[in-house]
Amino acid sequence: MVLLCWSPQASGQEINFGEFGNYTLTLGELNAGDLDFGVVTRNGGVYSVGINNSKTLTITGVKYLDVIIDVTAQNEMYLNGNPANAGDAAKAIPFTLEAAFANNEGTPTVAQSRFINVTGNTFLRQFPVLKRQNRPPGPPPPPPTNAFEQSQVEEIAYLYLYGSINVGNVDAGSYSSDIIITINYD
């Protein structure tokens, strides 16, 4: 009697073209200042900042690569920016984040932006620095060498952050909170 034992093995190959690259990625501001709701009144209801008045960030990177944007915002704005006021109806204002991005060639406009689904003031979104114009991605880039000049292949994508607050019976003062943004190449 011959007993054969065979365990099939799955094998595959993965090539990570970005593994050896050292491309830079820069997050900047198109408009100075914070996402500002202006002067609001106590029991004022809902105040919104729309996409046309959004906080606009620039993402400068290699145009044929994808970026992953990870954004987390607090669900409230706190009196004097103090997180210890979380959950205190007199010292915290509910905040709802909304977002969009534009990555068209040239200088995209707000009208060309695509909305991002934000859930619980958090989102993770991947998109190419430059829209691919309904084409599949091109071949992978060669790794940078001493002759490589990244500025020759850079483009700018735009990230729009905006939203609304619901002001109830709160203490007078300045309210703020943080929005944490992380960007990486895919």
N, C-alpha and C. Protein backbone atom coordinates (compact mmCIF):
# COMPACT_ATOMS: atom_id res chain seq x y z
N MET A 1 0.84 -1.16 0.00
CA MET A 1 0.00 0.00 0.00
C MET A 1 0.90 1.23 0.00
N VAL A 2 0.61 2.14 -0.87
CA VAL A 2 1.37 3.38 -0.98
C VAL A 2 0.47 4.52 -0.55
N LEU A 3 0.97 5.33 0.36
CA LEU A 3 0.19 6.47 0.85
C LEU A 3 0.84 7.74 0.33
N LEU A 4 0.07 8.47 -0.42
CA LEU A 4 0.58 9.73 -0.96
C LEU A 4 -0.05 10.89 -0.21
N CYS A 5 0.77 11.78 0.22
CA CYS A 5 0.27 12.99 0.88
C CYS A 5 0.64 14.17 0.01
N TRP A 6 -0.38 14.90 -0.34
CA TRP A 6 -0.13 16.08 -1.16
C TRP A 6 -0.93 17.22 -0.59
N SER A 7 -0.25 18.27 -0.31
CA SER A 7 -0.97 19.46 0.13
C SER A 7 -0.76 20.53 -0.92
N PRO A 8 -1.83 20.91 -1.57
CA PRO A 8 -1.68 21.94 -2.61
C PRO A 8 -1.27 23.28 -1.99
N GLN A 9 -0.36 23.94 -2.65
CA GLN A 9 0.09 25.25 -2.19
C GLN A 9 -0.32 26.30 -3.19
N ALA A 10 -0.82 27.36 -2.67
CA ALA A 10 -1.14 28.49 -3.54
C ALA A 10 0.08 29.38 -3.58
N SER A 11 0.44 29.77 -4.74
CA SER A 11 1.58 30.68 -4.87
C SER A 11 1.23 31.77 -5.85
N GLY A 12 1.81 32.88 -5.66
CA GLY A 12 1.56 34.02 -6.54
C GLY A 12 2.69 35.00 -6.42
N GLN A 13 2.65 35.96 -7.27
CA GLN A 13 3.69 36.97 -7.27
C GLN A 13 3.06 38.34 -7.14
N GLU A 14 3.71 39.17 -6.41
CA GLU A 14 3.26 40.54 -6.27
C GLU A 14 4.48 41.44 -6.47
N ILE A 15 4.30 42.42 -7.28
CA ILE A 15 5.36 43.38 -7.51
C ILE A 15 4.89 44.72 -6.99
N ASN A 16 5.62 45.28 -6.08
CA ASN A 16 5.27 46.58 -5.52
C ASN A 16 6.24 47.60 -6.11
N PHE A 17 5.77 48.33 -7.13
CA PHE A 17 6.65 49.24 -7.83
C PHE A 17 7.05 50.45 -7.00
N GLY A 18 6.29 50.78 -6.00
CA GLY A 18 6.63 51.92 -5.16
C GLY A 18 7.61 51.59 -4.07
N GLU A 19 7.97 50.33 -3.93
CA GLU A 19 8.82 49.89 -2.83
C GLU A 19 10.19 50.56 -2.86
N PHE A 20 10.72 50.82 -4.03
CA PHE A 20 12.07 51.36 -4.11
C PHE A 20 12.11 52.83 -4.49
N GLY A 21 10.94 53.44 -4.63
CA GLY A 21 10.88 54.86 -4.99
C GLY A 21 10.98 55.73 -3.75
N ASN A 22 11.44 56.94 -3.94
CA ASN A 22 11.47 57.89 -2.83
C ASN A 22 10.84 59.20 -3.29
N TYR A 23 9.65 59.08 -3.85
CA TYR A 23 8.94 60.24 -4.36
C TYR A 23 8.41 61.06 -3.19
N THR A 24 8.41 62.37 -3.37
CA THR A 24 7.88 63.24 -2.32
C THR A 24 6.39 63.49 -2.56
N LEU A 25 5.71 63.84 -1.50
CA LEU A 25 4.28 64.14 -1.53
C LEU A 25 4.08 65.30 -0.56
N THR A 26 3.43 66.36 -1.04
CA THR A 26 3.31 67.57 -0.23
C THR A 26 1.85 67.96 -0.07
N LEU A 27 1.47 68.26 1.18
CA LEU A 27 0.14 68.77 1.48
C LEU A 27 0.29 70.24 1.80
N GLY A 28 -0.44 71.08 1.07
CA GLY A 28 -0.35 72.53 1.28
C GLY A 28 -1.74 73.14 1.38
N GLU A 29 -1.77 74.44 1.59
CA GLU A 29 -3.03 75.17 1.70
C GLU A 29 -3.20 76.10 0.50
N LEU A 30 -4.37 76.06 -0.10
CA LEU A 30 -4.66 77.00 -1.18
C LEU A 30 -5.18 78.31 -0.59
N ASN A 31 -5.98 78.21 0.44
CA ASN A 31 -6.48 79.41 1.11
C ASN A 31 -6.03 79.39 2.56
N ALA A 32 -5.53 80.52 3.01
CA ALA A 32 -5.02 80.61 4.38
C ALA A 32 -6.16 80.61 5.38
N GLY A 33 -5.85 80.24 6.59
CA GLY A 33 -6.86 80.25 7.65
C GLY A 33 -7.48 78.90 7.86
N ASP A 34 -8.37 78.86 8.83
CA ASP A 34 -9.04 77.62 9.21
C ASP A 34 -10.41 77.52 8.55
N LEU A 35 -11.04 76.37 8.69
CA LEU A 35 -12.43 76.20 8.30
C LEU A 35 -13.23 77.00 9.32
N ASP A 36 -13.77 78.14 8.90
CA ASP A 36 -14.32 79.12 9.84
C ASP A 36 -15.82 79.30 9.59
N PHE A 37 -16.61 79.14 10.65
CA PHE A 37 -18.05 79.32 10.57
C PHE A 37 -18.47 80.74 10.93
N GLY A 38 -17.50 81.60 11.22
CA GLY A 38 -17.80 82.99 11.52
C GLY A 38 -18.41 83.15 12.90
N VAL A 39 -19.05 84.30 13.11
CA VAL A 39 -19.69 84.59 14.39
C VAL A 39 -21.06 83.94 14.39
N VAL A 40 -21.31 83.11 15.39
CA VAL A 40 -22.60 82.43 15.49
C VAL A 40 -23.26 82.83 16.82
N THR A 41 -24.56 82.68 16.88
CA THR A 41 -25.27 83.06 18.10
C THR A 41 -25.76 81.83 18.84
N ARG A 42 -25.93 82.00 20.11
CA ARG A 42 -26.43 80.96 20.98
C ARG A 42 -27.84 80.56 20.51
N ASN A 43 -28.13 79.27 20.53
CA ASN A 43 -29.38 78.73 20.00
C ASN A 43 -29.60 79.17 18.55
N GLY A 44 -28.51 79.26 17.82
CA GLY A 44 -28.56 79.76 16.44
C GLY A 44 -28.97 78.74 15.41
N GLY A 45 -29.00 77.46 15.76
CA GLY A 45 -29.36 76.43 14.79
C GLY A 45 -28.17 75.99 13.97
N VAL A 46 -28.42 75.61 12.73
CA VAL A 46 -27.38 75.04 11.87
C VAL A 46 -26.69 76.13 11.07
N TYR A 47 -25.36 76.13 11.13
CA TYR A 47 -24.53 77.02 10.32
C TYR A 47 -23.70 76.12 9.40
N SER A 48 -23.66 76.47 8.13
CA SER A 48 -22.94 75.64 7.17
C SER A 48 -21.89 76.45 6.42
N VAL A 49 -20.81 75.78 6.10
CA VAL A 49 -19.82 76.30 5.17
C VAL A 49 -19.89 75.36 3.97
N GLY A 50 -20.25 75.89 2.80
CA GLY A 50 -20.38 75.07 1.61
C GLY A 50 -19.05 74.87 0.90
N ILE A 51 -19.08 74.06 -0.13
CA ILE A 51 -17.87 73.73 -0.86
C ILE A 51 -17.21 74.97 -1.49
N ASN A 52 -18.02 75.95 -1.87
CA ASN A 52 -17.44 77.16 -2.48
C ASN A 52 -16.63 77.99 -1.48
N ASN A 53 -16.85 77.81 -0.19
CA ASN A 53 -16.11 78.53 0.85
C ASN A 53 -15.29 77.58 1.71
N SER A 54 -14.98 76.42 1.18
CA SER A 54 -14.32 75.37 1.93
C SER A 54 -12.87 75.70 2.25
N LYS A 55 -12.31 74.92 3.17
CA LYS A 55 -10.87 74.92 3.40
C LYS A 55 -10.30 74.07 2.29
N THR A 56 -9.46 74.65 1.43
CA THR A 56 -8.96 73.95 0.27
C THR A 56 -7.48 73.62 0.46
N LEU A 57 -7.17 72.34 0.36
CA LEU A 57 -5.80 71.86 0.51
C LEU A 57 -5.29 71.38 -0.84
N THR A 58 -3.99 71.54 -1.05
CA THR A 58 -3.36 71.06 -2.28
C THR A 58 -2.54 69.82 -1.96
N ILE A 59 -2.57 68.87 -2.87
CA ILE A 59 -1.77 67.65 -2.76
C ILE A 59 -0.88 67.61 -3.99
N THR A 60 0.40 67.83 -3.80
CA THR A 60 1.35 67.86 -4.91
C THR A 60 2.14 66.56 -4.91
N GLY A 61 2.05 65.84 -6.03
CA GLY A 61 2.75 64.57 -6.12
C GLY A 61 2.92 64.13 -7.56
N VAL A 62 3.49 62.95 -7.74
CA VAL A 62 3.74 62.39 -9.07
C VAL A 62 2.39 62.08 -9.72
N LYS A 63 2.17 62.66 -10.89
CA LYS A 63 0.85 62.64 -11.51
C LYS A 63 0.32 61.25 -11.87
N TYR A 64 1.18 60.27 -12.08
CA TYR A 64 0.70 58.96 -12.48
C TYR A 64 0.61 57.98 -11.31
N LEU A 65 0.75 58.48 -10.08
CA LEU A 65 0.61 57.62 -8.90
C LEU A 65 -0.70 57.93 -8.16
N ASP A 66 -1.18 56.97 -7.40
CA ASP A 66 -2.36 57.16 -6.57
C ASP A 66 -1.96 57.60 -5.17
N VAL A 67 -2.82 58.39 -4.55
CA VAL A 67 -2.63 58.78 -3.16
C VAL A 67 -3.77 58.20 -2.34
N ILE A 68 -3.48 57.96 -1.06
CA ILE A 68 -4.50 57.53 -0.11
C ILE A 68 -4.62 58.65 0.91
N ILE A 69 -5.83 59.18 1.04
CA ILE A 69 -6.11 60.27 1.97
C ILE A 69 -6.89 59.67 3.14
N ASP A 70 -6.38 59.86 4.33
CA ASP A 70 -7.03 59.38 5.55
C ASP A 70 -7.34 60.60 6.41
N VAL A 71 -8.63 60.87 6.63
CA VAL A 71 -9.05 62.07 7.36
C VAL A 71 -9.93 61.66 8.54
N THR A 72 -9.63 62.23 9.69
CA THR A 72 -10.43 62.02 10.89
C THR A 72 -10.65 63.37 11.55
N ALA A 73 -11.90 63.71 11.78
CA ALA A 73 -12.26 64.95 12.46
C ALA A 73 -13.04 64.60 13.72
N GLN A 74 -12.93 65.46 14.72
CA GLN A 74 -13.70 65.26 15.94
C GLN A 74 -15.17 65.55 15.63
N ASN A 75 -16.07 64.91 16.36
CA ASN A 75 -17.51 65.08 16.13
C ASN A 75 -18.07 66.34 16.76
N GLU A 76 -17.24 67.04 17.54
CA GLU A 76 -17.68 68.26 18.19
C GLU A 76 -16.57 69.30 18.11
N MET A 77 -17.00 70.55 18.22
CA MET A 77 -16.06 71.66 18.40
C MET A 77 -16.16 72.05 19.87
N TYR A 78 -15.02 72.27 20.50
CA TYR A 78 -14.98 72.47 21.95
C TYR A 78 -14.68 73.92 22.32
N LEU A 79 -15.29 74.36 23.41
CA LEU A 79 -15.02 75.69 23.95
C LEU A 79 -13.53 75.80 24.23
N ASN A 80 -12.91 76.84 23.68
CA ASN A 80 -11.47 77.09 23.80
C ASN A 80 -10.63 75.93 23.28
N GLY A 81 -11.21 75.09 22.42
CA GLY A 81 -10.47 73.96 21.83
C GLY A 81 -10.10 72.88 22.83
N ASN A 82 -10.73 72.86 23.98
CA ASN A 82 -10.38 71.93 25.05
C ASN A 82 -11.16 70.62 24.90
N PRO A 83 -10.47 69.51 24.55
CA PRO A 83 -11.16 68.23 24.39
C PRO A 83 -11.82 67.72 25.67
N ALA A 84 -11.45 68.26 26.83
CA ALA A 84 -12.10 67.86 28.08
C ALA A 84 -13.57 68.27 28.09
N ASN A 85 -13.96 69.16 27.18
CA ASN A 85 -15.36 69.60 27.09
C ASN A 85 -16.22 68.66 26.24
N ALA A 86 -15.65 67.55 25.78
CA ALA A 86 -16.39 66.59 24.94
C ALA A 86 -17.63 66.10 25.66
N GLY A 87 -18.74 66.12 24.97
CA GLY A 87 -19.99 65.62 25.51
C GLY A 87 -20.74 66.60 26.39
N ASP A 88 -20.15 67.74 26.72
CA ASP A 88 -20.80 68.76 27.55
C ASP A 88 -21.63 69.65 26.64
N ALA A 89 -22.96 69.55 26.75
CA ALA A 89 -23.86 70.29 25.86
C ALA A 89 -23.67 71.80 25.95
N ALA A 90 -23.13 72.30 27.06
CA ALA A 90 -22.93 73.74 27.22
C ALA A 90 -21.56 74.19 26.69
N LYS A 91 -20.66 73.23 26.40
CA LYS A 91 -19.30 73.60 26.00
C LYS A 91 -18.83 72.86 24.75
N ALA A 92 -19.75 72.24 24.02
CA ALA A 92 -19.40 71.52 22.80
C ALA A 92 -20.51 71.71 21.76
N ILE A 93 -20.10 71.89 20.52
CA ILE A 93 -21.04 72.09 19.41
C ILE A 93 -20.85 70.93 18.42
N PRO A 94 -21.92 70.19 18.09
CA PRO A 94 -21.81 69.11 17.12
C PRO A 94 -21.31 69.62 15.76
N PHE A 95 -20.37 68.87 15.18
CA PHE A 95 -19.75 69.23 13.90
C PHE A 95 -19.90 68.07 12.94
N THR A 96 -20.30 68.37 11.70
CA THR A 96 -20.42 67.37 10.64
C THR A 96 -19.48 67.75 9.50
N LEU A 97 -18.54 66.88 9.21
CA LEU A 97 -17.55 67.10 8.15
C LEU A 97 -18.09 66.62 6.81
N GLU A 98 -17.80 67.38 5.77
CA GLU A 98 -18.07 66.99 4.39
C GLU A 98 -16.79 67.22 3.60
N ALA A 99 -16.62 66.51 2.48
CA ALA A 99 -15.38 66.63 1.72
C ALA A 99 -15.61 66.31 0.24
N ALA A 100 -14.69 66.80 -0.57
CA ALA A 100 -14.68 66.51 -2.00
C ALA A 100 -13.23 66.65 -2.48
N PHE A 101 -12.96 66.16 -3.69
CA PHE A 101 -11.62 66.33 -4.28
C PHE A 101 -11.76 66.60 -5.77
N ALA A 102 -10.73 67.21 -6.33
CA ALA A 102 -10.66 67.45 -7.77
C ALA A 102 -9.24 67.14 -8.22
N ASN A 103 -9.12 66.38 -9.30
CA ASN A 103 -7.80 66.01 -9.81
C ASN A 103 -7.75 66.06 -11.34
N ASN A 104 -8.49 67.00 -11.92
CA ASN A 104 -8.48 67.16 -13.36
C ASN A 104 -7.19 67.86 -13.80
N GLU A 105 -6.85 67.71 -15.06
CA GLU A 105 -5.65 68.35 -15.59
C GLU A 105 -5.81 69.86 -15.59
N GLY A 106 -4.71 70.56 -15.38
CA GLY A 106 -4.76 72.02 -15.30
C GLY A 106 -5.12 72.43 -13.89
N THR A 107 -5.91 73.47 -13.75
CA THR A 107 -6.37 73.91 -12.44
C THR A 107 -7.84 73.56 -12.31
N PRO A 108 -8.16 72.49 -11.57
CA PRO A 108 -9.56 72.09 -11.45
C PRO A 108 -10.39 73.15 -10.73
N THR A 109 -11.66 73.14 -11.02
CA THR A 109 -12.59 74.05 -10.35
C THR A 109 -13.45 73.23 -9.37
N VAL A 110 -14.15 73.94 -8.50
CA VAL A 110 -15.05 73.28 -7.56
C VAL A 110 -16.11 72.50 -8.33
N ALA A 111 -16.54 73.01 -9.47
CA ALA A 111 -17.57 72.34 -10.27
C ALA A 111 -17.09 70.97 -10.78
N GLN A 112 -15.78 70.76 -10.90
CA GLN A 112 -15.24 69.49 -11.37
C GLN A 112 -14.97 68.51 -10.23
N SER A 113 -15.26 68.91 -9.01
CA SER A 113 -14.94 68.07 -7.86
C SER A 113 -15.88 66.87 -7.75
N ARG A 114 -15.39 65.85 -7.07
CA ARG A 114 -16.19 64.66 -6.78
C ARG A 114 -16.32 64.54 -5.27
N PHE A 115 -17.54 64.30 -4.85
CA PHE A 115 -17.82 64.25 -3.42
C PHE A 115 -17.29 62.96 -2.80
N ILE A 116 -16.89 63.06 -1.56
CA ILE A 116 -16.36 61.92 -0.80
C ILE A 116 -17.40 61.53 0.24
N ASN A 117 -17.65 60.26 0.37
CA ASN A 117 -18.59 59.76 1.37
C ASN A 117 -17.90 59.81 2.74
N VAL A 118 -18.38 60.71 3.60
CA VAL A 118 -17.82 60.87 4.94
C VAL A 118 -18.79 60.23 5.93
N THR A 119 -18.30 59.29 6.71
CA THR A 119 -19.12 58.62 7.71
C THR A 119 -18.50 58.83 9.08
N GLY A 120 -19.28 59.40 9.99
CA GLY A 120 -18.77 59.62 11.34
C GLY A 120 -17.57 60.55 11.39
N ASN A 121 -17.55 61.54 10.49
CA ASN A 121 -16.45 62.51 10.38
C ASN A 121 -15.11 61.87 10.05
N THR A 122 -15.16 60.71 9.37
CA THR A 122 -13.94 60.00 8.99
C THR A 122 -14.10 59.50 7.56
N PHE A 123 -13.00 59.53 6.81
CA PHE A 123 -13.02 58.87 5.50
C PHE A 123 -11.61 58.45 5.11
N LEU A 124 -11.56 57.45 4.27
CA LEU A 124 -10.33 56.94 3.66
C LEU A 124 -10.61 56.86 2.18
N ARG A 125 -9.87 57.60 1.38
CA ARG A 125 -10.17 57.67 -0.05
C ARG A 125 -8.88 57.55 -0.84
N GLN A 126 -8.92 56.76 -1.91
CA GLN A 126 -7.78 56.62 -2.81
C GLN A 126 -8.17 57.18 -4.17
N PHE A 127 -7.26 57.96 -4.77
CA PHE A 127 -7.48 58.48 -6.12
C PHE A 127 -6.14 58.86 -6.72
N PRO A 128 -6.06 58.91 -8.06
CA PRO A 128 -4.81 59.32 -8.69
C PRO A 128 -4.59 60.83 -8.54
N VAL A 129 -3.34 61.23 -8.44
CA VAL A 129 -3.04 62.66 -8.34
C VAL A 129 -3.62 63.38 -9.56
N LEU A 130 -3.49 62.79 -10.72
CA LEU A 130 -4.08 63.32 -11.96
C LEU A 130 -5.07 62.31 -12.51
N LYS A 131 -6.29 62.75 -12.75
CA LYS A 131 -7.34 61.87 -13.29
C LYS A 131 -6.84 61.20 -14.57
N ARG A 132 -7.14 59.93 -14.73
CA ARG A 132 -6.61 59.15 -15.85
C ARG A 132 -7.42 59.27 -17.13
N GLN A 133 -8.42 60.10 -17.18
CA GLN A 133 -9.19 60.34 -18.39
C GLN A 133 -9.77 59.07 -18.99
N ASN A 134 -10.38 58.22 -18.13
CA ASN A 134 -11.03 56.98 -18.55
C ASN A 134 -10.10 55.99 -19.22
N ARG A 135 -8.84 56.01 -18.82
CA ARG A 135 -7.87 55.04 -19.34
C ARG A 135 -7.35 54.22 -18.18
N PRO A 136 -6.89 53.01 -18.46
CA PRO A 136 -6.26 52.23 -17.38
C PRO A 136 -4.93 52.88 -17.01
N PRO A 137 -4.40 52.54 -15.85
CA PRO A 137 -3.12 53.12 -15.46
C PRO A 137 -2.03 52.72 -16.45
N GLY A 138 -1.07 53.59 -16.62
CA GLY A 138 0.05 53.33 -17.52
C GLY A 138 1.06 52.40 -16.87
N PRO A 139 2.17 52.19 -17.55
CA PRO A 139 3.20 51.31 -16.98
C PRO A 139 3.78 51.95 -15.72
N PRO A 140 4.35 51.14 -14.87
CA PRO A 140 4.91 51.68 -13.63
C PRO A 140 6.09 52.60 -13.95
N PRO A 141 6.31 53.59 -13.12
CA PRO A 141 7.42 54.50 -13.37
C PRO A 141 8.74 53.84 -13.03
N PRO A 142 9.82 54.28 -13.68
CA PRO A 142 11.12 53.76 -13.30
C PRO A 142 11.50 54.33 -11.93
N PRO A 143 12.28 53.59 -11.17
CA PRO A 143 12.71 54.13 -9.88
C PRO A 143 13.53 55.40 -10.09
N PRO A 144 13.46 56.33 -9.15
CA PRO A 144 14.24 57.56 -9.29
C PRO A 144 15.73 57.27 -9.34
N THR A 145 16.40 58.04 -10.17
CA THR A 145 17.86 57.96 -10.25
C THR A 145 18.39 59.37 -10.05
N ASN A 146 19.68 59.52 -10.14
CA ASN A 146 20.26 60.87 -10.00
C ASN A 146 19.77 61.80 -11.11
N ALA A 147 19.36 61.23 -12.25
CA ALA A 147 18.89 62.05 -13.36
C ALA A 147 17.40 62.35 -13.27
N PHE A 148 16.69 61.73 -12.32
CA PHE A 148 15.25 61.91 -12.19
C PHE A 148 14.94 63.28 -11.58
N GLU A 149 14.02 63.99 -12.20
CA GLU A 149 13.59 65.30 -11.70
C GLU A 149 12.08 65.22 -11.47
N GLN A 150 11.67 65.05 -10.21
CA GLN A 150 10.26 64.84 -9.90
C GLN A 150 9.40 66.01 -10.36
N SER A 151 9.90 67.21 -10.33
CA SER A 151 9.09 68.37 -10.72
C SER A 151 8.59 68.26 -12.16
N GLN A 152 9.24 67.45 -12.98
CA GLN A 152 8.81 67.27 -14.37
C GLN A 152 7.55 66.41 -14.49
N VAL A 153 7.22 65.65 -13.43
CA VAL A 153 6.07 64.75 -13.48
C VAL A 153 5.09 65.02 -12.35
N GLU A 154 5.13 66.22 -11.79
CA GLU A 154 4.23 66.55 -10.69
C GLU A 154 2.95 67.20 -11.18
N GLU A 155 1.91 67.00 -10.41
CA GLU A 155 0.61 67.62 -10.65
C GLU A 155 0.02 67.92 -9.28
N ILE A 156 -1.02 68.74 -9.27
CA ILE A 156 -1.67 69.12 -8.01
C ILE A 156 -3.12 68.66 -8.03
N ALA A 157 -3.51 67.96 -6.97
CA ALA A 157 -4.91 67.61 -6.74
C ALA A 157 -5.40 68.49 -5.59
N TYR A 158 -6.71 68.68 -5.51
CA TYR A 158 -7.28 69.57 -4.49
C TYR A 158 -8.24 68.79 -3.60
N LEU A 159 -8.16 69.05 -2.30
CA LEU A 159 -9.04 68.45 -1.32
C LEU A 159 -9.84 69.56 -0.66
N TYR A 160 -11.16 69.45 -0.71
CA TYR A 160 -12.05 70.47 -0.16
C TYR A 160 -12.68 69.93 1.13
N LEU A 161 -12.52 70.66 2.23
CA LEU A 161 -13.12 70.29 3.51
C LEU A 161 -14.12 71.37 3.91
N TYR A 162 -15.31 70.96 4.25
CA TYR A 162 -16.37 71.90 4.63
C TYR A 162 -17.35 71.15 5.52
N GLY A 163 -18.45 71.76 5.90
CA GLY A 163 -19.40 71.05 6.75
C GLY A 163 -20.35 71.97 7.46
N SER A 164 -20.88 71.49 8.58
CA SER A 164 -21.87 72.27 9.31
C SER A 164 -21.74 72.03 10.82
N ILE A 165 -22.25 73.01 11.57
CA ILE A 165 -22.33 72.90 13.03
C ILE A 165 -23.76 73.17 13.43
N ASN A 166 -24.17 72.60 14.55
CA ASN A 166 -25.53 72.79 15.06
C ASN A 166 -25.42 73.43 16.44
N VAL A 167 -25.63 74.74 16.49
CA VAL A 167 -25.42 75.51 17.70
C VAL A 167 -26.68 75.53 18.55
N GLY A 168 -26.53 75.02 19.75
CA GLY A 168 -27.64 75.03 20.71
C GLY A 168 -27.38 76.04 21.81
N ASN A 169 -27.80 75.73 23.00
CA ASN A 169 -27.65 76.60 24.15
C ASN A 169 -26.25 76.37 24.75
N VAL A 170 -25.25 77.06 24.21
CA VAL A 170 -23.86 76.86 24.63
C VAL A 170 -23.30 78.12 25.26
N ASP A 171 -22.22 77.93 26.02
CA ASP A 171 -21.51 79.05 26.62
C ASP A 171 -20.85 79.88 25.53
N ALA A 172 -20.76 81.18 25.76
CA ALA A 172 -20.10 82.07 24.80
C ALA A 172 -18.60 81.80 24.82
N GLY A 173 -17.98 81.97 23.66
CA GLY A 173 -16.54 81.80 23.56
C GLY A 173 -16.13 81.30 22.19
N SER A 174 -14.88 80.97 22.08
CA SER A 174 -14.31 80.47 20.83
C SER A 174 -14.33 78.94 20.85
N TYR A 175 -14.86 78.34 19.78
CA TYR A 175 -14.96 76.89 19.69
C TYR A 175 -14.08 76.39 18.55
N SER A 176 -13.35 75.32 18.79
CA SER A 176 -12.51 74.75 17.73
C SER A 176 -12.28 73.27 18.00
N SER A 177 -11.79 72.59 16.99
CA SER A 177 -11.38 71.18 17.11
C SER A 177 -10.41 70.90 15.97
N ASP A 178 -9.87 69.70 15.95
CA ASP A 178 -8.84 69.35 14.97
C ASP A 178 -9.39 68.41 13.91
N ILE A 179 -8.80 68.54 12.72
CA ILE A 179 -9.02 67.59 11.64
C ILE A 179 -7.65 67.03 11.30
N ILE A 180 -7.49 65.72 11.42
CA ILE A 180 -6.20 65.08 11.18
C ILE A 180 -6.21 64.49 9.78
N ILE A 181 -5.18 64.85 8.98
CA ILE A 181 -5.10 64.42 7.59
C ILE A 181 -3.77 63.70 7.38
N THR A 182 -3.83 62.49 6.83
CA THR A 182 -2.64 61.73 6.49
C THR A 182 -2.70 61.40 5.01
N ILE A 183 -1.61 61.64 4.29
CA ILE A 183 -1.56 61.29 2.87
C ILE A 183 -0.34 60.41 2.61
N ASN A 184 -0.53 59.43 1.76
CA ASN A 184 0.55 58.52 1.36
C ASN A 184 0.32 58.12 -0.09
N TYR A 185 1.40 57.71 -0.74
CA TYR A 185 1.24 57.06 -2.05
C TYR A 185 0.75 55.64 -1.83
N ASP A 186 -0.02 55.13 -2.79
CA ASP A 186 -0.46 53.74 -2.72
C ASP A 186 0.67 52.86 -3.22
